Amino acid sequence: MHREISASQFKARCLGLMDQVARDGEVLVITKNGRPVAELHPCSRSRRVSPFGLHPDTELIGDVVTPLDEPWEALR
């Protein structure tokens, strides 16, 4: 089952509609001049579990958050 919405309505409400599709799992068909042009459906892939969106094999070693106690200069 799916719902239809005009492109202009989708544009005005897209963020809320994306949340709704992710929550309910219902496909949303976007129309332009009454004709279907796109479908919005829940993503089938799972979110990355690695920190900061890094490659899953990346390993953070040590404290990467605390500032260093030594002065440094940025490149100009």
C-alpha atoms as a PDB file:
ATOM      1  CA  MET A   1       0.000   0.000   0.000  1.00  0.00           C
ATOM      2  CA  HIS A   2       1.175   3.560  -0.675  1.00  0.00           C
ATOM      3  CA  ARG A   3       0.136   7.171  -0.340  1.00  0.00           C
ATOM      4  CA  GLU A   4       0.422   9.838  -3.002  1.00  0.00           C
ATOM      5  CA  ILE A   5       1.425  13.452  -2.485  1.00  0.00           C
ATOM      6  CA  SER A   6       2.085  16.282  -4.923  1.00  0.00           C
ATOM      7  CA  ALA A   7       5.632  17.512  -5.371  1.00  0.00           C
ATOM      8  CA  SER A   8       4.703  20.936  -4.002  1.00  0.00           C
ATOM      9  CA  GLN A   9       3.228  19.407  -0.830  1.00  0.00           C
ATOM     10  CA  PHE A  10       6.251  17.133  -0.493  1.00  0.00           C
ATOM     11  CA  LYS A  11       8.602  20.109  -0.814  1.00  0.00           C
ATOM     12  CA  ALA A  12       6.805  21.960   1.968  1.00  0.00           C
ATOM     13  CA  ARG A  13       6.715  18.976   4.345  1.00  0.00           C
ATOM     14  CA  CYS A  14       9.627  16.761   3.259  1.00  0.00           C
ATOM     15  CA  LEU A  15      11.456  16.392   6.600  1.00  0.00           C
ATOM     16  CA  GLY A  16       8.325  15.356   8.472  1.00  0.00           C
ATOM     17  CA  LEU A  17       7.300  13.029   5.655  1.00  0.00           C
ATOM     18  CA  MET A  18      10.720  11.338   5.701  1.00  0.00           C
ATOM     19  CA  ASP A  19      10.350  10.726   9.438  1.00  0.00           C
ATOM     20  CA  GLN A  20       6.853   9.337   8.894  1.00  0.00           C
ATOM     21  CA  VAL A  21       7.992   6.947   6.132  1.00  0.00           C
ATOM     22  CA  ALA A  22      10.884   5.724   8.284  1.00  0.00           C
ATOM     23  CA  ARG A  23       8.554   5.197  11.246  1.00  0.00           C
ATOM     24  CA  ASP A  24       5.555   3.629   9.470  1.00  0.00           C
ATOM     25  CA  GLY A  25       7.309   1.860   6.602  1.00  0.00           C
ATOM     26  CA  GLU A  26       4.679   3.055   4.119  1.00  0.00           C
ATOM     27  CA  VAL A  27       5.808   3.997   0.593  1.00  0.00           C
ATOM     28  CA  LEU A  28       5.103   7.582  -0.434  1.00  0.00           C
ATOM     29  CA  VAL A  29       4.603   8.264  -4.155  1.00  0.00           C
ATOM     30  CA  ILE A  30       5.430  11.824  -5.211  1.00  0.00           C
ATOM     31  CA  THR A  31       3.473  13.163  -8.162  1.00  0.00           C
ATOM     32  CA  LYS A  32       3.984  16.049 -10.533  1.00  0.00           C
ATOM     33  CA  ASN A  33       0.987  17.217 -12.555  1.00  0.00           C
ATOM     34  CA  GLY A  34      -0.866  14.123 -11.350  1.00  0.00           C
ATOM     35  CA  ARG A  35       1.746  11.667 -12.625  1.00  0.00           C
ATOM     36  CA  PRO A  36       4.004   9.597 -10.341  1.00  0.00           C
ATOM     37  CA  VAL A  37       7.640  10.740 -10.608  1.00  0.00           C
ATOM     38  CA  ALA A  38       9.314   9.321  -7.493  1.00  0.00           C
ATOM     39  CA  GLU A  39       8.881   7.002  -4.538  1.00  0.00           C
ATOM     40  CA  LEU A  40      10.066   7.523  -0.996  1.00  0.00           C
ATOM     41  CA  HIS A  41      10.415   4.333   1.007  1.00  0.00           C
ATOM     42  CA  PRO A  42      12.262   3.254   4.133  1.00  0.00           C
ATOM     43  CA  CYS A  43      15.929   2.544   3.641  1.00  0.00           C
ATOM     44  CA  SER A  44      16.701  -1.175   3.714  1.00  0.00           C
ATOM     45  CA  ARG A  45      20.285  -0.694   4.888  1.00  0.00           C
ATOM     46  CA  SER A  46      21.110  -0.294   8.542  1.00  0.00           C
ATOM     47  CA  ARG A  47      22.944   2.713   9.905  1.00  0.00           C
ATOM     48  CA  ARG A  48      26.687   2.605  10.306  1.00  0.00           C
ATOM     49  CA  VAL A  49      27.796   1.586  13.752  1.00  0.00           C
ATOM     50  CA  SER A  50      31.300   3.013  13.431  1.00  0.00           C
ATOM     51  CA  PRO A  51      32.109   6.317  15.154  1.00  0.00           C
ATOM     52  CA  PHE A  52      31.945   9.540  13.138  1.00  0.00           C
ATOM     53  CA  GLY A  53      30.898   7.603   9.993  1.00  0.00           C
ATOM     54  CA  LEU A  54      34.383   6.131   9.609  1.00  0.00           C
ATOM     55  CA  HIS A  55      35.162   2.889   7.832  1.00  0.00           C
ATOM     56  CA  PRO A  56      33.998  -0.008  10.041  1.00  0.00           C
ATOM     57  CA  ASP A  57      37.578  -1.322  10.354  1.00  0.00           C
ATOM     58  CA  THR A  58      38.909   2.012  11.683  1.00  0.00           C
ATOM     59  CA  GLU A  59      40.043   1.763  15.277  1.00  0.00           C
ATOM     60  CA  LEU A  60      40.412   4.821  17.496  1.00  0.00           C
ATOM     61  CA  ILE A  61      43.309   4.424  19.919  1.00  0.00           C
ATOM     62  CA  GLY A  62      43.783   6.739  22.879  1.00  0.00           C
ATOM     63  CA  ASP A  63      42.053  10.004  23.694  1.00  0.00           C
ATOM     64  CA  VAL A  64      41.085  11.748  20.455  1.00  0.00           C
ATOM     65  CA  VAL A  65      38.994  14.464  22.130  1.00  0.00           C
ATOM     66  CA  THR A  66      41.126  16.167  24.784  1.00  0.00           C
ATOM     67  CA  PRO A  67      43.247  19.073  23.463  1.00  0.00           C
ATOM     68  CA  LEU A  68      47.019  18.658  23.321  1.00  0.00           C
ATOM     69  CA  ASP A  69      49.129  20.417  25.942  1.00  0.00           C
ATOM     70  CA  GLU A  70      51.551  21.713  23.353  1.00  0.00           C
ATOM     71  CA  PRO A  71      51.304  24.791  21.110  1.00  0.00           C
ATOM     72  CA  TRP A  72      50.935  24.345  17.362  1.00  0.00           C
ATOM     73  CA  GLU A  73      50.441  26.484  14.310  1.00  0.00           C
ATOM     74  CA  ALA A  74      47.967  25.889  11.559  1.00  0.00           C
ATOM     75  CA  LEU A  75      49.087  26.062   7.955  1.00  0.00           C
ATOM     76  CA  ARG A  76      48.187  29.302   6.249  1.00  0.00           C
END
